[in-house]
N, C-alpha and C. Protein backbone atom coordinates (compact mmCIF):
# COMPACT_ATOMS: atom_id res chain seq x y z
N UNK A 1 102.66 100.62 102.68
CA UNK A 1 103.58 100.79 101.38
C UNK A 1 101.81 101.41 101.10
N UNK A 2 102.03 102.50 99.90
CA UNK A 2 101.49 103.39 99.37
C UNK A 2 101.13 102.30 97.91
N UNK A 3 99.94 102.56 97.73
CA UNK A 3 98.80 101.62 97.01
C UNK A 3 98.67 102.46 95.63
N UNK A 4 99.53 103.07 94.69
CA UNK A 4 99.40 103.84 93.72
C UNK A 4 98.39 103.16 92.60
N UNK A 5 98.39 101.90 92.38
CA UNK A 5 97.68 101.29 91.24
C UNK A 5 96.31 101.37 91.16
N UNK A 6 95.59 102.08 92.60
CA UNK A 6 94.44 102.43 92.80
C UNK A 6 93.96 103.36 93.53
N UNK A 7 94.35 104.64 93.06
CA UNK A 7 94.12 105.60 93.47
C UNK A 7 92.55 106.38 93.49
N UNK A 8 91.72 106.33 94.15
CA UNK A 8 90.52 106.96 94.34
C UNK A 8 90.34 108.55 94.34
N UNK A 9 89.60 108.50 92.71
CA UNK A 9 89.11 109.52 92.53
C UNK A 9 87.98 110.42 92.85
N UNK A 10 87.73 111.66 93.80
CA UNK A 10 86.23 111.98 94.23
C UNK A 10 86.05 113.47 93.61
N UNK A 11 85.01 113.01 92.60
CA UNK A 11 84.88 114.11 91.78
C UNK A 11 83.32 114.20 91.33
N UNK A 12 82.41 115.32 92.31
CA UNK A 12 81.41 115.32 92.14
C UNK A 12 80.55 115.83 90.80
N UNK A 13 81.10 116.41 89.82
CA UNK A 13 80.66 116.80 88.71
C UNK A 13 80.31 115.91 87.86
N UNK A 14 79.11 116.30 86.79
CA UNK A 14 78.32 115.21 85.57
C UNK A 14 78.32 115.96 84.53
N UNK A 15 78.06 115.20 83.57
CA UNK A 15 78.20 115.78 82.30
C UNK A 15 79.03 114.78 81.43
N UNK A 16 78.78 115.13 80.36
CA UNK A 16 80.18 114.83 79.16
C UNK A 16 81.77 115.22 79.58
N UNK A 17 81.94 116.97 79.85
CA UNK A 17 83.18 116.82 80.22
C UNK A 17 83.74 116.85 81.52
N UNK A 18 82.90 116.11 82.40
CA UNK A 18 83.05 115.43 83.80
C UNK A 18 83.70 114.54 83.42
N UNK A 19 82.72 113.81 82.49
CA UNK A 19 83.53 112.11 82.47
C UNK A 19 85.07 112.22 81.52
N UNK A 20 85.16 113.12 80.62
CA UNK A 20 86.13 113.27 80.03
C UNK A 20 87.22 113.44 81.11
N UNK A 21 86.90 114.78 81.66
CA UNK A 21 88.02 114.72 82.87
C UNK A 21 88.76 113.67 83.68
N UNK A 22 87.28 113.17 84.21
CA UNK A 22 87.86 111.75 85.12
C UNK A 22 88.33 110.77 84.23
N UNK A 23 88.14 110.71 82.86
CA UNK A 23 88.80 109.57 82.28
C UNK A 23 90.46 110.19 81.89
N UNK A 24 90.37 111.55 81.90
CA UNK A 24 91.69 111.70 81.86
C UNK A 24 92.75 111.90 82.38
N UNK A 25 92.06 112.22 84.35
CA UNK A 25 92.59 111.96 85.41
C UNK A 25 93.53 110.76 85.81
N UNK A 26 92.28 109.39 85.22
CA UNK A 26 92.64 108.40 85.88
C UNK A 26 93.60 107.69 84.91
N UNK A 27 93.83 108.36 83.42
CA UNK A 27 95.14 108.08 82.99
C UNK A 27 96.37 108.50 83.07
N UNK A 28 95.99 109.85 83.85
CA UNK A 28 97.44 110.25 84.52
C UNK A 28 98.21 109.40 85.59
N UNK A 29 96.81 109.38 86.34
CA UNK A 29 97.60 108.65 87.53
C UNK A 29 97.37 107.42 87.84
N UNK A 30 97.75 106.59 86.33
CA UNK A 30 97.64 105.40 86.34
C UNK A 30 98.99 104.90 85.74
N UNK A 31 99.54 106.27 85.22
CA UNK A 31 100.89 105.75 84.22
C UNK A 31 101.96 106.36 85.22
N UNK A 32 103.18 105.73 84.63
CA UNK A 32 104.35 106.29 85.46
C UNK A 32 105.19 107.39 85.14
N UNK A 33 105.73 107.93 85.61
CA UNK A 33 106.57 108.96 84.93
C UNK A 33 107.74 108.41 84.39
N UNK A 34 108.07 108.99 83.11
CA UNK A 34 109.26 108.36 82.58
C UNK A 34 108.79 106.73 81.51
N UNK A 35 107.56 106.76 81.05
CA UNK A 35 106.93 105.70 80.67
C UNK A 35 106.08 106.01 79.02
N UNK A 36 105.89 107.26 78.73
CA UNK A 36 105.41 107.73 78.03
C UNK A 36 105.85 108.43 76.95
N UNK A 37 106.10 108.03 75.99
CA UNK A 37 107.11 108.16 74.49
C UNK A 37 106.42 109.44 74.05
N UNK A 38 107.19 110.61 73.50
CA UNK A 38 107.07 111.88 73.31
C UNK A 38 106.43 112.78 74.80
N UNK A 39 106.31 112.60 76.13
CA UNK A 39 105.91 112.95 76.85
C UNK A 39 106.41 112.56 78.15
N UNK A 40 107.77 112.50 78.64
CA UNK A 40 108.52 111.85 79.55
C UNK A 40 107.91 112.48 80.89
N UNK A 41 107.62 113.74 81.18
CA UNK A 41 106.80 113.68 81.93
C UNK A 41 105.42 113.11 82.61
N UNK A 42 104.81 113.17 81.53
CA UNK A 42 103.54 112.46 82.09
C UNK A 42 103.56 111.42 82.41
N UNK A 43 102.46 111.25 84.13
CA UNK A 43 102.40 110.25 84.90
C UNK A 43 103.07 110.65 86.31
N UNK A 44 102.73 109.94 87.24
CA UNK A 44 103.14 109.91 88.23
C UNK A 44 104.97 109.41 88.72
N UNK A 45 105.86 110.22 89.40
CA UNK A 45 107.09 109.66 89.72
C UNK A 45 106.75 108.84 90.57
N UNK A 46 107.87 107.99 90.87
CA UNK A 46 107.49 106.90 91.99
C UNK A 46 108.74 107.12 93.04
N UNK A 47 109.56 108.30 92.88
CA UNK A 47 110.91 108.38 93.69
C UNK A 47 110.29 108.62 94.96
N UNK A 48 109.11 108.58 95.64
CA UNK A 48 108.79 108.45 97.13
C UNK A 48 108.96 106.90 97.45
N UNK A 49 109.41 105.61 96.62
CA UNK A 49 109.10 105.03 97.05
C UNK A 49 110.62 104.78 98.01
N UNK A 50 110.72 103.61 98.88
CA UNK A 50 111.63 103.85 100.18
C UNK A 50 111.70 104.68 101.16
N UNK A 51 111.11 105.72 100.91
CA UNK A 51 111.23 106.66 102.25
C UNK A 51 110.37 106.58 103.40
N UNK A 52 110.98 107.24 104.37
CA UNK A 52 109.76 107.29 105.26
C UNK A 52 108.23 107.55 105.21
N UNK A 53 107.51 106.96 106.00
CA UNK A 53 106.01 106.82 105.25
C UNK A 53 105.38 108.24 105.32
N UNK A 54 105.94 109.18 106.05
CA UNK A 54 105.29 110.58 106.50
C UNK A 54 105.66 111.30 105.00
N UNK A 55 107.17 111.33 104.87
CA UNK A 55 107.86 111.79 103.39
C UNK A 55 106.79 111.48 102.28
N UNK A 56 106.97 109.69 102.16
CA UNK A 56 106.52 109.53 100.82
C UNK A 56 104.73 109.85 100.66
N UNK A 57 104.05 109.91 101.54
CA UNK A 57 102.76 110.51 101.41
C UNK A 57 102.74 112.05 100.90
N UNK A 58 103.51 112.78 101.66
CA UNK A 58 103.67 114.19 101.15
C UNK A 58 103.95 114.26 99.59
N UNK A 59 105.05 113.54 99.27
CA UNK A 59 105.67 113.76 98.02
C UNK A 59 105.01 112.86 96.99
N UNK A 60 103.96 112.21 97.72
CA UNK A 60 103.07 111.85 96.17
C UNK A 60 102.00 112.60 96.07
N UNK A 61 101.20 113.22 97.26
CA UNK A 61 100.47 114.24 97.25
C UNK A 61 100.62 115.64 96.54
N UNK A 62 102.30 116.21 96.48
CA UNK A 62 102.54 117.47 95.84
C UNK A 62 102.69 116.66 94.59
N UNK A 63 102.93 115.37 94.23
CA UNK A 63 102.98 115.25 92.68
C UNK A 63 101.81 115.41 92.18
N UNK A 64 100.83 114.45 92.84
CA UNK A 64 99.58 114.77 92.48
C UNK A 64 99.00 115.84 92.16
N UNK A 65 99.00 117.01 92.92
CA UNK A 65 98.81 118.06 92.42
C UNK A 65 99.15 118.92 91.29
N UNK A 66 100.26 118.74 91.44
CA UNK A 66 101.39 119.56 90.35
C UNK A 66 100.93 118.90 89.05
N UNK A 67 101.20 117.69 89.00
CA UNK A 67 100.82 117.06 88.00
C UNK A 67 99.38 116.95 87.01
N UNK A 68 98.33 117.49 88.10
CA UNK A 68 97.03 117.60 87.56
C UNK A 68 96.96 119.11 87.42
N UNK A 69 97.77 119.71 87.65
CA UNK A 69 97.66 121.01 87.70
C UNK A 69 97.93 121.24 86.18
N UNK A 70 99.22 120.65 85.95
CA UNK A 70 99.86 121.11 84.40
C UNK A 70 98.85 119.81 83.21
N UNK A 71 98.30 119.08 83.64
CA UNK A 71 98.02 118.09 82.71
C UNK A 71 96.23 118.05 82.69
N UNK A 72 95.90 118.44 83.58
CA UNK A 72 94.15 118.81 83.70
C UNK A 72 93.72 120.02 84.33
N UNK A 73 94.16 121.58 83.63
CA UNK A 73 94.00 122.58 84.29
C UNK A 73 91.87 123.02 84.30
N UNK A 74 91.36 121.98 83.60
CA UNK A 74 90.12 121.92 84.37
C UNK A 74 89.50 121.92 85.59
N UNK A 75 90.66 121.37 86.24
CA UNK A 75 90.35 120.99 87.62
C UNK A 75 91.32 121.54 88.54
N UNK A 76 91.24 121.47 89.90
CA UNK A 76 91.78 121.98 91.29
C UNK A 76 91.61 120.72 92.03
N UNK A 77 92.67 120.36 92.77
CA UNK A 77 93.01 119.24 93.56
C UNK A 77 92.89 120.45 95.10
N UNK A 78 91.70 119.43 95.73
CA UNK A 78 91.35 120.04 96.93
C UNK A 78 91.95 119.60 97.81
N UNK A 79 92.60 118.29 98.18
CA UNK A 79 93.04 117.32 99.15
C UNK A 79 93.23 116.34 98.26
N UNK A 80 94.67 115.59 99.38
CA UNK A 80 94.77 114.21 99.06
C UNK A 80 94.78 113.54 100.13
N UNK A 81 94.03 112.44 100.60
CA UNK A 81 93.84 111.70 101.67
C UNK A 81 94.73 110.60 101.45
N UNK A 82 94.62 110.24 102.72
CA UNK A 82 95.08 108.02 102.26
C UNK A 82 94.53 107.62 103.42
N UNK A 83 93.42 106.68 102.80
CA UNK A 83 92.97 105.67 103.43
C UNK A 83 93.42 104.58 103.84
N UNK A 84 93.68 103.46 104.94
CA UNK A 84 94.43 102.53 104.96
C UNK A 84 93.64 101.23 105.21
N UNK A 85 93.91 100.31 103.88
CA UNK A 85 93.38 98.79 103.82
C UNK A 85 93.23 97.96 105.20
N UNK A 86 92.41 97.61 105.77
CA UNK A 86 92.96 97.04 107.10
C UNK A 86 93.78 95.56 106.94
N UNK A 87 92.75 94.83 105.59
CA UNK A 87 93.59 93.60 105.38
C UNK A 87 94.44 93.57 104.83
N UNK A 88 95.20 94.47 104.06
CA UNK A 88 96.55 94.33 103.49
C UNK A 88 97.41 95.30 104.20
N UNK A 89 96.84 95.87 105.14
CA UNK A 89 97.95 97.54 105.31
C UNK A 89 98.39 98.68 104.36
N UNK A 90 98.05 98.28 103.22
CA UNK A 90 97.88 99.24 102.17
C UNK A 90 97.54 100.48 102.34
N UNK A 91 98.13 101.79 102.02
CA UNK A 91 97.64 102.67 101.75
C UNK A 91 97.02 103.60 100.88
N UNK A 92 95.67 103.83 100.44
CA UNK A 92 95.35 104.12 99.34
C UNK A 92 94.73 105.48 98.93
N UNK A 93 95.51 106.04 98.04
CA UNK A 93 95.30 108.01 97.95
C UNK A 93 93.82 107.48 97.84
N UNK A 94 93.16 109.04 98.01
CA UNK A 94 92.14 109.21 97.64
C UNK A 94 91.94 111.15 97.03
N UNK A 95 92.09 111.41 96.23
CA UNK A 95 91.90 112.65 95.29
C UNK A 95 90.79 113.47 95.19
N UNK A 96 90.80 114.25 96.25
CA UNK A 96 89.48 115.12 95.69
C UNK A 96 89.59 116.46 95.13
N UNK A 97 88.99 116.53 93.95
CA UNK A 97 89.10 117.84 92.83
C UNK A 97 87.88 118.16 92.80
N UNK A 98 87.79 119.43 92.34
CA UNK A 98 86.51 120.04 92.35
C UNK A 98 86.70 120.85 90.39
N UNK A 99 85.63 121.14 90.02
CA UNK A 99 85.99 121.85 88.62
C UNK A 99 85.70 123.12 88.47
N UNK A 100 85.97 124.04 87.38
CA UNK A 100 85.77 125.08 87.61
C UNK A 100 84.08 125.41 86.90
N UNK A 101 83.50 126.51 87.08
CA UNK A 101 82.19 126.50 87.11
C UNK A 101 81.96 126.34 85.42
N UNK A 102 82.65 126.16 84.48
CA UNK A 102 81.97 125.44 83.30
C UNK A 102 81.65 124.28 83.46
N UNK A 103 82.18 123.52 84.07
CA UNK A 103 82.30 121.76 83.99
C UNK A 103 81.26 121.44 85.00
N UNK A 104 80.91 122.15 86.06
CA UNK A 104 80.40 122.24 87.27
C UNK A 104 79.04 122.08 86.71
């Protein structure tokens, strides 16, 4: 099972704008698509639930990349990896992002 409630964000930039970006991405990744009034596209889709694990991982990674490009254009997603928590068997997404020259 993929644990979308605890997405880990890896972003090495510092400073006031970096903290704003981190906050915006945390909000984007914690909201489920369709639940935000005035912008039903905001947040992550959960359509991958119930699909075979390789398909679900790929669909979630693509969703994260596309939503990050749309809602936080100040950064680019470098990769999305999945870490297995041995005690629970859950897969935790780890999102690696890099900022533009102005942010870093």
